[in-house]
Protein backbone atom coordinates (compact mmCIF):
# COMPACT_ATOMS: atom_id res chain seq x y z
CA MET A 1 203.81 165.62 -119.95
CA SER A 2 200.11 165.59 -119.11
CA SER A 3 198.37 168.67 -117.76
CA PRO A 4 198.17 168.74 -113.95
CA GLY A 5 194.55 169.84 -114.24
CA PRO A 6 192.89 173.04 -113.07
CA ILE A 7 194.03 174.91 -109.96
CA ARG A 8 191.60 174.19 -107.12
CA ILE A 9 190.21 177.29 -105.39
CA LEU A 10 188.05 177.39 -102.28
CA LEU A 11 185.89 180.49 -101.86
CA GLN A 12 184.91 180.50 -98.18
CA THR A 13 183.08 182.79 -95.75
CA THR A 14 183.45 182.82 -91.97
CA ILE A 15 179.71 182.67 -91.20
CA PRO A 16 177.12 179.88 -91.47
CA THR A 17 174.74 180.12 -94.42
CA THR A 18 172.37 183.00 -93.67
CA GLU A 19 170.16 184.37 -96.42
CA ASP A 20 170.10 187.92 -95.04
CA ASP A 21 173.86 188.31 -94.63
CA TRP A 22 177.07 188.23 -96.68
CA SER A 23 176.93 184.46 -97.25
CA ILE A 24 178.88 182.86 -100.08
CA ALA A 25 175.86 183.07 -102.42
CA ARG A 26 176.56 186.82 -102.59
CA PHE A 27 179.93 186.12 -104.26
CA SER A 28 178.46 184.15 -107.17
CA ALA A 29 179.77 186.44 -109.93
CA LEU A 30 183.33 185.88 -108.69
CA ARG A 31 182.74 182.13 -108.63
CA ASP A 32 181.42 182.19 -112.19
CA LEU A 33 184.26 184.40 -113.42
CA LEU A 34 186.94 182.07 -112.06
CA SER A 35 185.08 178.91 -113.13
CA GLY A 36 184.75 180.25 -116.66
CA ALA A 37 188.43 181.11 -117.14
CA VAL A 38 190.16 178.93 -119.75
CA ASP A 39 193.61 178.60 -121.28
CA GLY A 40 194.50 179.01 -124.97
CA GLU A 41 193.23 175.51 -125.73
CA GLY A 42 189.89 176.03 -123.99
CA ARG A 43 190.74 174.04 -120.87
CA ALA A 44 189.46 175.24 -117.51
CA LEU A 45 192.11 177.03 -115.48
CA TYR A 46 190.33 176.76 -112.14
CA ALA A 47 188.05 174.34 -110.34
CA VAL A 48 186.11 176.44 -107.84
CA GLU A 49 184.23 175.37 -104.73
CA ALA A 50 182.22 177.94 -102.76
CA ARG A 51 180.92 177.38 -99.25
CA ASP A 52 180.02 178.98 -95.94
CA ARG A 53 181.46 177.72 -92.67
CA GLU A 54 179.50 175.27 -90.55
CA ALA A 55 177.89 176.45 -87.31
CA THR A 56 180.09 178.55 -85.04
CA GLY A 57 181.20 177.29 -81.63
CA GLY A 58 183.56 174.63 -82.95
CA PRO A 59 186.10 174.03 -85.72
CA ASP A 60 184.83 174.12 -89.29
CA PRO A 61 185.21 170.66 -90.91
CA VAL A 62 186.92 172.07 -94.01
CA LEU A 63 188.93 175.02 -92.64
CA SER A 64 190.21 172.94 -89.71
CA ARG A 65 191.74 170.48 -92.17
CA MET A 66 193.01 172.88 -94.82
CA GLN A 67 196.62 171.74 -94.52
CA ASP A 68 195.52 168.22 -95.55
CA SER A 69 193.18 169.31 -98.35
CA ASP A 70 193.89 169.20 -102.08
CA PHE A 71 192.97 172.87 -102.55
CA ASP A 72 195.65 175.08 -104.06
CA GLN A 73 194.15 178.41 -102.94
CA LEU A 74 191.87 179.71 -100.21
CA TRP A 75 189.97 182.97 -100.73
CA LEU A 76 188.64 183.76 -97.28
CA PHE A 77 185.88 186.36 -96.87
CA ALA A 78 185.91 187.33 -93.18
CA VAL A 79 182.34 188.55 -92.81
CA ASP A 80 181.96 187.59 -89.13
CA VAL A 81 181.82 189.85 -86.07
CA GLY A 82 184.85 188.25 -84.42
CA ASP A 83 183.87 184.61 -83.93
CA GLY A 84 184.21 183.23 -87.46
CA LEU A 85 187.41 181.23 -86.97
CA THR A 86 188.41 179.00 -84.10
CA GLU A 87 192.01 178.54 -82.97
CA VAL A 88 192.03 175.14 -84.70
CA ASP A 89 190.80 176.72 -87.94
CA CYS A 90 193.52 179.39 -87.79
CA VAL A 91 196.27 176.85 -87.17
CA ALA A 92 195.14 174.72 -90.09
CA VAL A 93 194.86 177.67 -92.49
CA SER A 94 198.29 178.91 -91.40
CA ARG A 95 199.77 175.46 -92.04
CA PHE A 96 198.03 175.36 -95.42
CA ARG A 97 199.97 178.47 -96.45
CA GLU A 98 203.17 177.12 -94.90
CA SER A 99 202.81 174.11 -97.19
CA GLY A 100 202.70 176.42 -100.22
CA GLY A 101 198.97 177.18 -100.44
CA GLY A 102 197.87 180.53 -101.84
CA LEU A 103 195.80 182.65 -99.46
CA MET A 104 193.62 185.74 -99.91
CA ILE A 105 191.97 187.30 -96.86
CA ALA A 106 189.40 190.09 -97.15
CA ARG A 107 187.52 191.74 -94.26
CA ASP A 108 185.65 195.03 -93.79
CA HIS A 109 185.19 197.98 -91.42
CA MET A 110 185.76 198.29 -87.67
CA ASP A 111 185.96 194.77 -86.12
CA LEU A 112 184.20 192.94 -88.95
CA GLY A 113 186.31 189.88 -89.70
CA SER A 114 188.65 190.27 -86.73
CA SER A 115 188.79 186.49 -86.26
CA VAL A 116 191.59 186.51 -88.88
CA CYS A 117 194.07 188.25 -86.56
CA THR A 118 195.92 185.08 -85.55
CA LEU A 119 196.36 183.70 -89.06
CA GLY A 120 200.10 183.31 -89.56
CA GLY A 121 201.68 186.38 -91.14
CA VAL A 122 198.68 187.57 -93.12
CA GLY A 123 196.52 188.14 -90.04
CA ALA A 124 198.96 190.80 -88.84
CA ALA A 125 198.29 192.78 -92.01
CA HIS A 126 194.69 193.42 -90.92
CA CYS A 127 194.02 196.24 -88.45
CA PHE A 128 190.74 196.56 -86.57
CA HIS A 129 189.03 198.81 -84.04
CA SER A 130 189.79 196.73 -80.94
CA ARG A 131 192.51 194.34 -82.17
CA ASN A 132 195.78 194.96 -83.99
CA LEU A 133 195.19 198.70 -84.32
CA GLU A 134 196.79 200.76 -87.08
CA PRO A 135 200.20 201.95 -85.81
CA ASP A 136 199.40 205.60 -86.62
CA ALA A 137 197.10 206.77 -83.80
CA ALA A 138 196.06 209.75 -85.93
CA ARG A 139 194.08 207.27 -88.03
CA HIS A 140 191.96 206.14 -85.08
CA VAL A 141 189.16 208.45 -86.15
CA ARG A 142 185.95 208.05 -88.11
CA ASP A 143 186.32 208.57 -91.85
CA ASP A 144 182.87 207.74 -93.22
CA GLU A 145 180.18 209.84 -91.53
CA GLU A 146 177.10 208.44 -93.30
CA THR A 147 176.66 205.42 -91.04
CA GLN A 148 177.20 206.57 -87.47
CA ALA A 149 176.95 203.06 -86.04
CA ILE A 150 180.22 202.16 -87.77
CA SER A 151 183.47 203.51 -86.34
CA TRP A 152 187.09 203.38 -87.50
CA PRO A 153 188.66 201.99 -89.50
CA ASN A 154 185.98 202.92 -92.05
CA TYR A 155 187.61 204.55 -95.07
CA ARG A 156 185.05 205.86 -97.55
CA SER A 157 186.17 205.07 -101.10
CA GLY A 158 182.68 205.81 -102.46
CA ALA A 159 179.15 204.46 -102.47
CA ASN A 160 178.27 200.83 -103.03
CA GLY A 161 177.66 200.56 -106.78
CA ASP A 162 180.33 203.14 -107.60
CA TYR A 163 183.94 202.56 -108.54
CA GLN A 164 187.12 204.05 -107.13
CA GLU A 165 190.31 204.99 -108.93
CA ILE A 166 193.21 203.13 -107.40
CA VAL A 167 196.92 203.94 -107.20
CA ALA A 168 199.35 201.15 -108.07
CA ILE A 169 202.40 201.40 -105.80
CA ALA A 170 205.69 201.08 -107.70
CA PRO A 171 207.02 198.70 -108.74
CA VAL A 172 203.68 197.65 -110.23
CA HIS A 173 202.67 194.25 -108.90
CA PRO A 174 201.54 191.50 -111.31
CA ILE A 175 198.04 191.61 -109.78
CA LEU A 176 197.68 195.18 -111.06
CA ARG A 177 199.04 194.73 -114.58
CA ASP A 178 196.79 195.02 -117.61
CA PRO A 179 198.28 194.65 -121.11
CA THR A 180 195.07 196.06 -122.66
CA SER A 181 195.38 199.36 -120.77
CA PRO A 182 197.26 202.30 -122.36
CA THR A 183 199.36 202.51 -119.17
CA GLY A 184 199.63 198.76 -118.67
CA VAL A 185 198.09 199.17 -115.20
CA LEU A 186 194.61 198.63 -113.76
CA ARG A 187 192.80 201.81 -112.72
CA TYR A 188 189.55 200.81 -110.98
CA LEU A 189 188.04 198.66 -108.26
CA PRO A 190 184.54 198.74 -106.75
CA ALA A 191 183.98 201.42 -104.11
CA HIS A 192 182.59 200.92 -100.62
CA PRO A 193 181.44 203.43 -97.95
CA HIS A 194 183.57 202.00 -95.14
CA GLU A 195 186.64 199.94 -96.01
CA GLY A 196 188.91 198.38 -93.42
CA ALA A 197 192.62 198.92 -92.80
CA VAL A 198 195.52 196.80 -94.02
CA ILE A 199 199.25 197.35 -93.51
CA ALA A 200 202.51 195.61 -94.43
CA PRO A 201 203.85 193.98 -91.24
CA GLN A 202 207.47 194.87 -90.59
CA ASP A 203 208.54 191.29 -89.90
CA GLY A 204 207.35 189.75 -93.14
CA ASP A 205 208.00 189.68 -96.88
CA ALA A 206 205.07 191.96 -97.65
CA ARG A 207 204.41 195.31 -99.25
CA VAL A 208 201.47 197.58 -100.04
CA ILE A 209 200.66 197.22 -103.75
CA ALA A 210 197.55 199.41 -104.11
CA ALA A 211 196.10 202.46 -102.37
CA GLY A 212 192.87 204.39 -102.49
CA ALA A 213 191.72 207.78 -101.22
CA SER A 214 188.84 208.72 -98.94
CA ARG A 215 186.02 210.57 -100.68
CA THR A 216 185.32 212.26 -97.34
CA THR A 217 188.74 213.46 -96.18
CA GLY A 218 191.03 212.82 -99.13
CA ARG A 219 193.24 210.71 -96.89
CA ALA A 220 195.13 207.92 -98.64
CA PHE A 221 194.64 204.37 -97.33
CA ASN A 222 195.87 200.91 -98.31
CA LEU A 223 193.74 198.62 -100.43
CA ALA A 224 195.93 195.55 -100.76
CA VAL A 225 199.08 194.08 -99.20
CA ALA A 226 200.91 191.29 -101.02
CA PHE A 227 203.07 188.59 -99.43
CA GLU A 228 205.39 187.01 -101.97
CA ARG A 229 205.82 183.27 -102.22
CA GLY A 230 208.96 182.01 -100.47
CA PRO A 231 210.53 178.78 -99.24
CA ALA A 232 208.52 178.93 -96.02
CA ALA A 233 205.08 179.96 -97.28
CA GLY A 234 202.83 180.41 -100.29
CA ALA A 235 201.78 183.74 -101.75
CA ALA A 236 199.10 185.73 -99.91
CA LEU A 237 197.08 188.91 -100.19
CA ALA A 238 195.39 191.03 -97.51
CA GLN A 239 192.49 193.08 -98.94
CA SER A 240 190.83 196.04 -97.22
CA THR A 241 187.26 194.90 -97.85
CA PHE A 242 185.37 191.87 -99.12
CA HIS A 243 183.11 194.29 -100.98
CA HIS A 244 185.66 194.42 -103.79
CA PHE A 245 184.58 190.81 -104.48
CA ALA A 246 180.82 190.95 -103.74
CA ASP A 247 178.03 190.67 -106.33
CA TYR A 248 176.30 193.81 -105.02
CA ASN A 249 179.37 195.95 -105.57
CA TRP A 250 179.78 194.67 -109.11
CA ASP A 251 176.07 195.00 -109.95
CA LEU A 252 173.49 196.62 -107.66
CA ALA A 253 170.76 194.47 -109.23
CA ALA A 254 172.26 191.48 -107.38
CA GLY A 255 170.86 192.90 -104.15
CA CYS A 256 172.25 193.09 -100.63
CA PRO A 257 171.30 192.16 -97.05
CA SER A 258 168.47 194.21 -95.54
CA PHE A 259 170.78 195.85 -92.99
CA VAL A 260 172.71 197.70 -95.72
CA SER A 261 171.29 201.23 -95.45
CA GLU A 262 173.77 203.43 -97.34
CA THR A 263 172.64 205.28 -100.46
CA PRO A 264 174.07 203.41 -103.47
CA GLY A 265 175.71 204.86 -106.57
CA GLU A 266 175.60 203.89 -110.24
CA GLY A 267 179.19 204.29 -111.38
CA MET A 268 179.86 200.60 -112.05
CA ALA A 269 176.82 200.44 -114.32
CA HIS A 270 177.92 203.45 -116.39
CA GLU A 271 181.66 202.76 -116.70
CA PRO A 272 182.30 199.40 -118.39
CA ARG A 273 186.04 199.73 -117.80
CA ALA A 274 185.49 199.59 -114.02
CA LEU A 275 183.96 196.11 -114.16
CA ALA A 276 186.53 194.99 -116.73
CA ASP A 277 189.35 196.12 -114.42
CA THR A 278 187.72 194.33 -111.50
CA HIS A 279 187.51 191.10 -113.51
CA ARG A 280 191.14 191.44 -114.56
CA TYR A 281 192.20 192.01 -110.94
CA MET A 282 190.48 188.79 -109.85
CA LEU A 283 191.99 186.72 -112.66
CA ASN A 284 195.43 188.22 -112.05
CA LEU A 285 195.09 187.38 -108.37
CA ALA A 286 194.19 183.76 -109.07
CA ALA A 287 197.12 183.41 -111.46
CA TRP A 288 199.57 185.02 -109.02
CA LEU A 289 198.50 182.94 -106.01
CA GLY A 290 199.23 179.88 -108.13
CA ARG A 291 199.28 176.25 -107.14
CA ARG A 292 200.28 174.76 -103.82
CA GLY A 293 203.75 173.30 -103.63
CA LEU A 294 205.11 175.01 -106.74
CA SER A 295 208.24 177.11 -106.43
CA ALA A 296 207.21 179.71 -108.99
């Protein structure tokens, strides 16, 4: 039987191309990592396309037709302020997953990325400041105090450029496994001063698979929620912040938009295992999300 070819992945932001913002160009290391992954015979595992959305105010020509595309996975970086997806876009992306497509959605603090709220199933895993609030009202308080213009949810896992030690929730999910680790489990992801909030919706096949802890308050918070593949939908992941995937958080030398004012750290540069774990997490995620239409 001939090889079906590489899995097709779309890396997509929810804003038009803007040099001084979190446009898709700022996720180039992730693109290169996935594009460079090969199997035991040297064949490419993934064919990766990276793009920003077209101008806001109407449906995006790609997102609004996702259910009819030949992509196997969509990695959506919700970097907008609430207007990044239209209703048509959300319906199409939801139908893409219903047809077996793999979906990863990452957002950030407060209401950043709140246009994802109506995405079927996975949107309900994302909690914001003014939409789909965290059920525990005690968490409706500021966590990070460095940037006063940003309110909750804004969990401080560390400075940009630092890493955080993560907790894998038992049973350990395949995304968090690492056969090269003494424990068999990944330990690190990039840190960020103000991560968003994700939960496992009660009416779906989802569970929290990884947690972090605030460097300010010590409070535990969720980093990732996994939705298992089933007969009605493909696998999906809700991630607390897109900064886990961004060039700047992997390597400060990559630079950041001018509005980023927080004091950076240097942990990622001094701990090679942190970047290795991050790479493994991304490759595990791509493998777990799989190919559209497959039952395994």
